[in-house]
Each structure stands twice: as C-alpha cells, then as structure tokens.
Amino acid sequence: MPMNYPVTVTQHPDCWIVQFIDIPPAITAGQTREEALLNAEDCLDVALLCLFDDEDQPFPPPPSPGGDARVSPTAPIAAKLALMIAWRDSGLSKSAFARRLGKSESEVRNRILNPKHKTALATLDAAARALGKRLTIDIVPGTAAEVRDAAE
C-alpha cells in the first residue's frame, strides 16, 4: 500500500505550514519549505500511529492524488504500519496470528502489533511472511534539502 500522502504547503510571513489533505488533524510548520516538509515526516508518523492505535478509528484510505508535495512516513513506521494493515486485512485474530508466528499472544499484542513498540525489521518480515506477504524496501529520492546535504 503506498503511503506517500499529499500535503498543501503554504508560505506565511514567518513560516511555512504543511497540512495533510487525507489526515486533516495533521499539521506542522518550519522556517523554510524544506524544514516544514522534513517536520511533516515526523508529524505523519505520529498521526498514522495515533490513527492506527485507535481501533475504533478507520485507518486513512490510500493517499489521494494532488497536493503541493507528497510526504511518506519514516521507514520504521512505514514497515510497522504495512504489517499492521496486512494483519487487519487478513482477518486473523491476534491469537491465531500468534500461533502462525510461533509466538505468545502477549508478544504479538504488546510488541509486534503495538504501534508504539519498535519492532526489529527481521521480526516484521517474519510476521509478514506468516501472513503470506513479504516486506520489501525501496530507496527513493529525498527532499531537496536531503539531496543537497548528501552532495556536500
């Protein structure tokens, strides 16, 4: 599932404001456009984890088109959320998922499917495979500021 969310970027007299089109409560700012977009990654991480942590709240649909720019969550959060979405889509209970993984239900509940718990990449990959999926990684161009900093 793509997780690059469209944002609007608005210049104000003293800062740049970034608002997420698909996640209205998510808003951040920065002194420059590049700083505001970098801050937007952290903002998106928090917003997505909060939405996913609230089991009564539906997870945002796939990102809509449009926007002035697109922002993705950081890699650890994207991997965790991708697994959590795959688990939800599987229809398995946490205890059935734990049995497939050969783990205790408390480990699945409190660690692997807990959006606030950092989980090792190898564990996320093993969990995805238990769901008949694979966790993949891609490297994409960074923001203008990241590309500039890498060149220096």
N, C-alpha and C. Protein backbone atom coordinates (compact mmCIF):
# COMPACT_ATOMS: atom_id res chain seq x y z
N MET A 1 0.85 -1.18 0.00
CA MET A 1 0.00 0.00 0.00
C MET A 1 0.89 1.24 0.00
N PRO A 2 0.69 2.12 -0.97
CA PRO A 2 1.50 3.35 -0.96
C PRO A 2 1.17 4.21 0.25
N MET A 3 2.19 4.81 0.82
CA MET A 3 1.98 5.65 2.00
C MET A 3 2.60 7.03 1.79
N ASN A 4 2.51 7.54 0.59
CA ASN A 4 3.00 8.90 0.37
C ASN A 4 1.80 9.83 0.26
N TYR A 5 1.60 10.57 1.31
CA TYR A 5 0.39 11.38 1.47
C TYR A 5 0.57 12.79 0.91
N PRO A 6 -0.47 13.29 0.21
CA PRO A 6 -0.39 14.64 -0.34
C PRO A 6 -0.57 15.69 0.75
N VAL A 7 0.18 16.77 0.57
CA VAL A 7 0.10 17.89 1.52
C VAL A 7 -0.05 19.20 0.75
N THR A 8 -0.58 20.18 1.45
CA THR A 8 -0.53 21.54 0.94
C THR A 8 0.57 22.25 1.72
N VAL A 9 1.34 23.07 1.02
CA VAL A 9 2.43 23.82 1.63
C VAL A 9 2.14 25.29 1.39
N THR A 10 1.98 26.03 2.49
CA THR A 10 1.60 27.43 2.39
C THR A 10 2.64 28.31 3.08
N GLN A 11 3.08 29.32 2.36
CA GLN A 11 4.04 30.26 2.94
C GLN A 11 3.29 31.34 3.72
N HIS A 12 3.74 31.57 4.93
CA HIS A 12 3.22 32.63 5.78
C HIS A 12 4.36 33.60 6.05
N PRO A 13 4.09 34.77 6.62
CA PRO A 13 5.17 35.74 6.83
C PRO A 13 6.35 35.21 7.63
N ASP A 14 6.09 34.36 8.63
CA ASP A 14 7.19 33.91 9.48
C ASP A 14 7.48 32.41 9.42
N CYS A 15 6.74 31.66 8.58
CA CYS A 15 6.97 30.22 8.49
C CYS A 15 6.25 29.62 7.29
N TRP A 16 6.50 28.34 7.09
CA TRP A 16 5.80 27.55 6.08
C TRP A 16 4.93 26.55 6.82
N ILE A 17 3.69 26.40 6.41
CA ILE A 17 2.74 25.48 7.04
C ILE A 17 2.49 24.31 6.09
N VAL A 18 2.54 23.09 6.64
CA VAL A 18 2.23 21.89 5.87
C VAL A 18 1.00 21.24 6.49
N GLN A 19 -0.02 20.98 5.65
CA GLN A 19 -1.24 20.32 6.10
C GLN A 19 -1.47 19.08 5.25
N PHE A 20 -1.87 17.98 5.88
CA PHE A 20 -2.14 16.73 5.17
C PHE A 20 -3.58 16.73 4.68
N ILE A 21 -3.74 16.50 3.39
CA ILE A 21 -5.07 16.51 2.77
C ILE A 21 -5.93 15.37 3.31
N ASP A 22 -5.36 14.17 3.42
CA ASP A 22 -6.12 12.99 3.84
C ASP A 22 -6.21 12.82 5.35
N ILE A 23 -5.43 13.59 6.09
CA ILE A 23 -5.40 13.48 7.56
C ILE A 23 -5.49 14.90 8.11
N PRO A 24 -6.68 15.48 8.10
CA PRO A 24 -6.83 16.89 8.46
C PRO A 24 -6.22 17.32 9.80
N PRO A 25 -6.24 16.50 10.85
CA PRO A 25 -5.64 16.98 12.10
C PRO A 25 -4.12 17.12 12.03
N ALA A 26 -3.48 16.50 11.03
CA ALA A 26 -2.02 16.54 10.94
C ALA A 26 -1.57 17.83 10.27
N ILE A 27 -0.86 18.64 11.04
CA ILE A 27 -0.36 19.92 10.55
C ILE A 27 0.96 20.22 11.24
N THR A 28 1.89 20.82 10.50
CA THR A 28 3.19 21.17 11.06
C THR A 28 3.72 22.40 10.33
N ALA A 29 4.90 22.85 10.75
CA ALA A 29 5.47 24.06 10.16
C ALA A 29 6.99 24.00 10.21
N GLY A 30 7.61 24.95 9.54
CA GLY A 30 9.06 25.10 9.56
C GLY A 30 9.44 26.48 9.09
N GLN A 31 10.66 26.86 9.36
CA GLN A 31 11.14 28.18 8.95
C GLN A 31 11.32 28.27 7.44
N THR A 32 11.65 27.14 6.80
CA THR A 32 11.78 27.08 5.35
C THR A 32 10.83 26.00 4.83
N ARG A 33 10.63 25.99 3.52
CA ARG A 33 9.77 24.95 2.92
C ARG A 33 10.37 23.57 3.18
N GLU A 34 11.69 23.46 3.00
CA GLU A 34 12.36 22.17 3.20
C GLU A 34 12.24 21.70 4.65
N GLU A 35 12.42 22.62 5.60
CA GLU A 35 12.30 22.25 7.01
C GLU A 35 10.87 21.83 7.33
N ALA A 36 9.90 22.53 6.79
CA ALA A 36 8.50 22.18 7.03
C ALA A 36 8.19 20.78 6.49
N LEU A 37 8.73 20.44 5.32
CA LEU A 37 8.49 19.12 4.76
C LEU A 37 9.21 18.03 5.54
N LEU A 38 10.40 18.32 6.06
CA LEU A 38 11.09 17.35 6.93
C LEU A 38 10.29 17.14 8.21
N ASN A 39 9.79 18.22 8.80
CA ASN A 39 8.96 18.11 10.00
C ASN A 39 7.69 17.33 9.72
N ALA A 40 7.23 17.41 8.48
CA ALA A 40 5.99 16.71 8.11
C ALA A 40 6.14 15.20 8.20
N GLU A 41 7.37 14.68 7.99
CA GLU A 41 7.57 13.24 8.14
C GLU A 41 7.28 12.80 9.58
N ASP A 42 7.82 13.52 10.54
CA ASP A 42 7.57 13.19 11.95
C ASP A 42 6.09 13.37 12.28
N CYS A 43 5.50 14.43 11.78
CA CYS A 43 4.09 14.69 12.01
C CYS A 43 3.24 13.53 11.47
N LEU A 44 3.59 13.05 10.27
CA LEU A 44 2.85 11.94 9.67
C LEU A 44 3.03 10.66 10.49
N ASP A 45 4.25 10.39 10.95
CA ASP A 45 4.47 9.22 11.79
C ASP A 45 3.52 9.22 12.99
N VAL A 46 3.50 10.32 13.69
CA VAL A 46 2.66 10.43 14.89
C VAL A 46 1.19 10.29 14.53
N ALA A 47 0.76 10.98 13.49
CA ALA A 47 -0.66 10.94 13.10
C ALA A 47 -1.09 9.53 12.71
N LEU A 48 -0.28 8.85 11.91
CA LEU A 48 -0.65 7.49 11.48
C LEU A 48 -0.66 6.52 12.65
N LEU A 49 0.33 6.62 13.53
CA LEU A 49 0.36 5.73 14.69
C LEU A 49 -0.84 5.97 15.60
N CYS A 50 -1.21 7.23 15.78
CA CYS A 50 -2.38 7.53 16.61
C CYS A 50 -3.65 6.99 15.97
N LEU A 51 -3.79 7.15 14.67
CA LEU A 51 -4.97 6.63 13.98
C LEU A 51 -5.04 5.13 14.07
N PHE A 52 -3.89 4.48 13.92
CA PHE A 52 -3.89 3.02 13.95
C PHE A 52 -4.07 2.50 15.36
N ASP A 53 -3.61 3.23 16.36
CA ASP A 53 -3.73 2.80 17.75
C ASP A 53 -5.17 2.82 18.22
N ASP A 54 -5.99 3.69 17.62
CA ASP A 54 -7.40 3.78 17.96
C ASP A 54 -8.16 2.79 17.11
N GLU A 55 -8.46 1.61 17.68
CA GLU A 55 -9.08 0.55 16.90
C GLU A 55 -10.48 0.91 16.40
N ASP A 56 -11.12 1.91 17.01
CA ASP A 56 -12.44 2.33 16.55
C ASP A 56 -12.35 3.30 15.38
N GLN A 57 -11.18 3.86 15.17
CA GLN A 57 -10.97 4.84 14.11
C GLN A 57 -10.52 4.11 12.85
N PRO A 58 -11.18 4.33 11.71
CA PRO A 58 -10.71 3.67 10.49
C PRO A 58 -9.37 4.26 10.06
N PHE A 59 -8.51 3.38 9.56
CA PHE A 59 -7.22 3.85 9.07
C PHE A 59 -7.46 4.65 7.81
N PRO A 60 -6.68 5.70 7.56
CA PRO A 60 -6.90 6.51 6.36
C PRO A 60 -6.86 5.65 5.10
N PRO A 61 -7.68 6.00 4.12
CA PRO A 61 -7.65 5.26 2.86
C PRO A 61 -6.32 5.50 2.15
N PRO A 62 -6.06 4.76 1.07
CA PRO A 62 -4.83 5.05 0.32
C PRO A 62 -4.79 6.54 -0.03
N PRO A 63 -3.60 7.08 -0.08
CA PRO A 63 -3.47 8.52 -0.33
C PRO A 63 -4.17 8.96 -1.62
N SER A 64 -4.81 10.10 -1.54
CA SER A 64 -5.48 10.66 -2.70
C SER A 64 -4.46 11.37 -3.59
N PRO A 65 -4.84 11.65 -4.84
CA PRO A 65 -3.93 12.39 -5.71
C PRO A 65 -3.92 13.87 -5.33
N GLY A 66 -3.00 14.59 -5.91
CA GLY A 66 -2.97 16.04 -5.71
C GLY A 66 -2.00 16.48 -4.65
N GLY A 67 -2.16 17.73 -4.25
CA GLY A 67 -1.29 18.32 -3.25
C GLY A 67 -0.12 19.04 -3.87
N ASP A 68 0.55 19.85 -3.05
CA ASP A 68 1.74 20.59 -3.49
C ASP A 68 2.99 19.72 -3.40
N ALA A 69 2.95 18.70 -2.54
CA ALA A 69 4.08 17.79 -2.35
C ALA A 69 3.50 16.51 -1.75
N ARG A 70 4.35 15.49 -1.62
CA ARG A 70 3.93 14.24 -1.01
C ARG A 70 4.92 13.90 0.10
N VAL A 71 4.39 13.37 1.19
CA VAL A 71 5.22 13.04 2.35
C VAL A 71 4.94 11.59 2.74
N SER A 72 6.00 10.86 3.02
CA SER A 72 5.88 9.47 3.46
C SER A 72 6.34 9.36 4.91
N PRO A 73 5.81 8.36 5.62
CA PRO A 73 6.32 8.15 6.98
C PRO A 73 7.75 7.65 6.92
N THR A 74 8.45 7.72 8.05
CA THR A 74 9.81 7.20 8.11
C THR A 74 9.78 5.68 7.90
N ALA A 75 10.90 5.12 7.49
CA ALA A 75 10.97 3.70 7.15
C ALA A 75 10.51 2.77 8.29
N PRO A 76 10.96 2.97 9.54
CA PRO A 76 10.50 2.05 10.60
C PRO A 76 8.98 2.09 10.79
N ILE A 77 8.41 3.27 10.70
CA ILE A 77 6.96 3.40 10.88
C ILE A 77 6.22 2.81 9.68
N ALA A 78 6.72 3.06 8.48
CA ALA A 78 6.08 2.52 7.28
C ALA A 78 6.07 0.99 7.33
N ALA A 79 7.18 0.38 7.74
CA ALA A 79 7.25 -1.08 7.82
C ALA A 79 6.27 -1.61 8.86
N LYS A 80 6.22 -0.98 10.01
CA LYS A 80 5.32 -1.42 11.08
C LYS A 80 3.86 -1.30 10.64
N LEU A 81 3.52 -0.15 10.05
CA LEU A 81 2.14 0.06 9.62
C LEU A 81 1.75 -0.88 8.49
N ALA A 82 2.67 -1.14 7.56
CA ALA A 82 2.37 -2.07 6.47
C ALA A 82 2.03 -3.45 7.03
N LEU A 83 2.78 -3.89 8.02
CA LEU A 83 2.48 -5.18 8.65
C LEU A 83 1.13 -5.13 9.34
N MET A 84 0.86 -4.07 10.07
CA MET A 84 -0.40 -3.97 10.81
C MET A 84 -1.59 -3.95 9.85
N ILE A 85 -1.44 -3.29 8.72
CA ILE A 85 -2.51 -3.27 7.71
C ILE A 85 -2.70 -4.67 7.13
N ALA A 86 -1.60 -5.37 6.83
CA ALA A 86 -1.70 -6.73 6.30
C ALA A 86 -2.39 -7.64 7.31
N TRP A 87 -2.06 -7.48 8.60
CA TRP A 87 -2.71 -8.29 9.63
C TRP A 87 -4.21 -7.99 9.69
N ARG A 88 -4.57 -6.70 9.72
CA ARG A 88 -6.00 -6.35 9.75
C ARG A 88 -6.73 -6.91 8.54
N ASP A 89 -6.11 -6.81 7.37
CA ASP A 89 -6.74 -7.31 6.15
C ASP A 89 -6.87 -8.82 6.14
N SER A 90 -6.02 -9.51 6.90
CA SER A 90 -6.05 -10.98 6.92
C SER A 90 -7.28 -11.52 7.63
N GLY A 91 -7.85 -10.73 8.54
CA GLY A 91 -9.00 -11.19 9.30
C GLY A 91 -8.63 -12.13 10.44
N LEU A 92 -7.34 -12.39 10.64
CA LEU A 92 -6.91 -13.27 11.73
C LEU A 92 -7.06 -12.56 13.07
N SER A 93 -7.39 -13.33 14.08
CA SER A 93 -7.35 -12.79 15.44
C SER A 93 -5.89 -12.69 15.86
N LYS A 94 -5.63 -11.96 16.93
CA LYS A 94 -4.26 -11.86 17.42
C LYS A 94 -3.75 -13.22 17.89
N SER A 95 -4.62 -14.01 18.49
CA SER A 95 -4.17 -15.33 18.96
C SER A 95 -3.88 -16.26 17.78
N ALA A 96 -4.68 -16.21 16.72
CA ALA A 96 -4.41 -17.05 15.54
C ALA A 96 -3.11 -16.60 14.86
N PHE A 97 -2.89 -15.30 14.81
CA PHE A 97 -1.66 -14.76 14.23
C PHE A 97 -0.45 -15.21 15.05
N ALA A 98 -0.59 -15.16 16.37
CA ALA A 98 0.50 -15.60 17.25
C ALA A 98 0.83 -17.07 17.01
N ARG A 99 -0.19 -17.90 16.85
CA ARG A 99 0.05 -19.32 16.59
C ARG A 99 0.83 -19.51 15.28
N ARG A 100 0.45 -18.76 14.24
CA ARG A 100 1.16 -18.85 12.97
C ARG A 100 2.63 -18.45 13.11
N LEU A 101 2.87 -17.47 13.97
CA LEU A 101 4.24 -16.99 14.17
C LEU A 101 5.04 -17.84 15.14
N GLY A 102 4.35 -18.69 15.90
CA GLY A 102 5.03 -19.46 16.93
C GLY A 102 5.44 -18.58 18.09
N LYS A 103 4.66 -17.54 18.36
CA LYS A 103 4.94 -16.58 19.44
C LYS A 103 3.76 -16.59 20.40
N SER A 104 3.97 -16.00 21.56
CA SER A 104 2.87 -15.87 22.51
C SER A 104 1.93 -14.76 22.06
N GLU A 105 0.67 -14.88 22.45
CA GLU A 105 -0.28 -13.84 22.09
C GLU A 105 0.11 -12.50 22.71
N SER A 106 0.67 -12.52 23.91
CA SER A 106 1.07 -11.26 24.54
C SER A 106 2.20 -10.59 23.76
N GLU A 107 3.12 -11.38 23.17
CA GLU A 107 4.18 -10.77 22.37
C GLU A 107 3.61 -10.14 21.10
N VAL A 108 2.66 -10.82 20.49
CA VAL A 108 2.02 -10.25 19.29
C VAL A 108 1.26 -8.99 19.67
N ARG A 109 0.48 -9.04 20.73
CA ARG A 109 -0.35 -7.90 21.13
C ARG A 109 0.51 -6.72 21.62
N ASN A 110 1.47 -6.99 22.49
CA ASN A 110 2.22 -5.92 23.15
C ASN A 110 3.45 -5.44 22.38
N ARG A 111 3.89 -6.21 21.40
CA ARG A 111 5.10 -5.83 20.68
C ARG A 111 4.86 -5.72 19.17
N ILE A 112 4.57 -6.83 18.54
CA ILE A 112 4.51 -6.85 17.08
C ILE A 112 3.36 -6.00 16.54
N LEU A 113 2.19 -6.06 17.15
CA LEU A 113 1.04 -5.28 16.66
C LEU A 113 0.77 -4.03 17.51
N ASN A 114 1.71 -3.66 18.33
CA ASN A 114 1.58 -2.43 19.11
C ASN A 114 2.27 -1.32 18.33
N PRO A 115 1.51 -0.33 17.85
CA PRO A 115 2.12 0.70 17.01
C PRO A 115 3.18 1.52 17.73
N LYS A 116 3.18 1.53 19.05
CA LYS A 116 4.17 2.32 19.79
C LYS A 116 5.44 1.55 20.12
N HIS A 117 5.45 0.25 19.86
CA HIS A 117 6.61 -0.58 20.17
C HIS A 117 7.50 -0.71 18.94
N LYS A 118 8.78 -0.43 19.09
CA LYS A 118 9.72 -0.61 17.98
C LYS A 118 9.97 -2.11 17.81
N THR A 119 9.83 -2.57 16.59
CA THR A 119 9.99 -3.99 16.29
C THR A 119 11.09 -4.14 15.25
N ALA A 120 11.97 -5.11 15.47
CA ALA A 120 13.08 -5.35 14.55
C ALA A 120 12.55 -5.69 13.15
N LEU A 121 13.29 -5.25 12.16
CA LEU A 121 12.92 -5.48 10.77
C LEU A 121 12.76 -6.97 10.47
N ALA A 122 13.65 -7.80 11.00
CA ALA A 122 13.56 -9.24 10.77
C ALA A 122 12.27 -9.81 11.34
N THR A 123 11.83 -9.30 12.48
CA THR A 123 10.58 -9.76 13.07
C THR A 123 9.39 -9.33 12.22
N LEU A 124 9.42 -8.10 11.73
CA LEU A 124 8.35 -7.62 10.86
C LEU A 124 8.28 -8.45 9.57
N ASP A 125 9.44 -8.78 9.02
CA ASP A 125 9.48 -9.60 7.81
C ASP A 125 8.92 -10.99 8.07
N ALA A 126 9.32 -11.60 9.19
CA ALA A 126 8.80 -12.93 9.53
C ALA A 126 7.29 -12.89 9.73
N ALA A 127 6.80 -11.83 10.35
CA ALA A 127 5.36 -11.69 10.58
C ALA A 127 4.62 -11.52 9.25
N ALA A 128 5.20 -10.74 8.33
CA ALA A 128 4.58 -10.56 7.01
C ALA A 128 4.51 -11.90 6.28
N ARG A 129 5.58 -12.68 6.37
CA ARG A 129 5.60 -13.98 5.70
C ARG A 129 4.58 -14.93 6.30
N ALA A 130 4.32 -14.81 7.61
CA ALA A 130 3.30 -15.64 8.24
C ALA A 130 1.91 -15.30 7.72
N LEU A 131 1.77 -14.11 7.15
CA LEU A 131 0.51 -13.68 6.55
C LEU A 131 0.47 -13.94 5.04
N GLY A 132 1.52 -14.59 4.53
CA GLY A 132 1.58 -14.84 3.09
C GLY A 132 2.02 -13.61 2.30
N LYS A 133 2.71 -12.70 2.97
CA LYS A 133 3.18 -11.45 2.35
C LYS A 133 4.69 -11.37 2.48
N ARG A 134 5.27 -10.35 1.85
CA ARG A 134 6.70 -10.07 2.01
C ARG A 134 6.87 -8.59 2.28
N LEU A 135 7.78 -8.28 3.14
CA LEU A 135 8.15 -6.90 3.42
C LEU A 135 9.26 -6.54 2.45
N THR A 136 9.07 -5.47 1.67
CA THR A 136 10.11 -5.04 0.74
C THR A 136 10.55 -3.63 1.08
N ILE A 137 11.72 -3.27 0.60
CA ILE A 137 12.30 -1.96 0.88
C ILE A 137 12.67 -1.31 -0.43
N ASP A 138 12.51 0.00 -0.48
CA ASP A 138 12.86 0.76 -1.68
C ASP A 138 13.60 2.02 -1.25
N ILE A 139 14.49 2.48 -2.08
CA ILE A 139 15.18 3.75 -1.83
C ILE A 139 14.70 4.72 -2.90
N VAL A 140 14.23 5.87 -2.44
CA VAL A 140 13.69 6.88 -3.35
C VAL A 140 14.41 8.20 -3.10
N PRO A 141 14.33 9.13 -4.06
CA PRO A 141 14.98 10.42 -3.84
C PRO A 141 14.44 11.11 -2.60
N GLY A 142 15.32 11.81 -1.89
CA GLY A 142 14.92 12.55 -0.70
C GLY A 142 14.42 13.93 -1.08
N THR A 143 14.16 14.72 -0.07
CA THR A 143 13.75 16.10 -0.31
C THR A 143 14.93 16.87 -0.90
N ALA A 144 14.67 18.05 -1.40
CA ALA A 144 15.72 18.86 -1.98
C ALA A 144 16.84 19.11 -0.96
N ALA A 145 16.46 19.37 0.28
CA ALA A 145 17.46 19.62 1.33
C ALA A 145 18.29 18.37 1.61
N GLU A 146 17.67 17.20 1.64
CA GLU A 146 18.41 15.96 1.89
C GLU A 146 19.36 15.65 0.74
N VAL A 147 18.90 15.86 -0.48
CA VAL A 147 19.76 15.63 -1.64
C VAL A 147 20.95 16.60 -1.61
N ARG A 148 20.69 17.86 -1.28
CA ARG A 148 21.76 18.86 -1.21
C ARG A 148 22.76 18.49 -0.11
N ASP A 149 22.26 18.10 1.08
CA ASP A 149 23.15 17.75 2.19
C ASP A 149 23.99 16.52 1.85
N ALA A 150 23.43 15.57 1.15
CA ALA A 150 24.17 14.36 0.79
C ALA A 150 25.29 14.67 -0.20
N ALA A 151 25.09 15.69 -1.02
CA ALA A 151 26.09 16.04 -2.02
C ALA A 151 27.27 16.79 -1.41
N GLU A 152 27.07 17.37 -0.25
CA GLU A 152 28.15 18.17 0.38
C GLU A 152 29.14 17.33 1.11
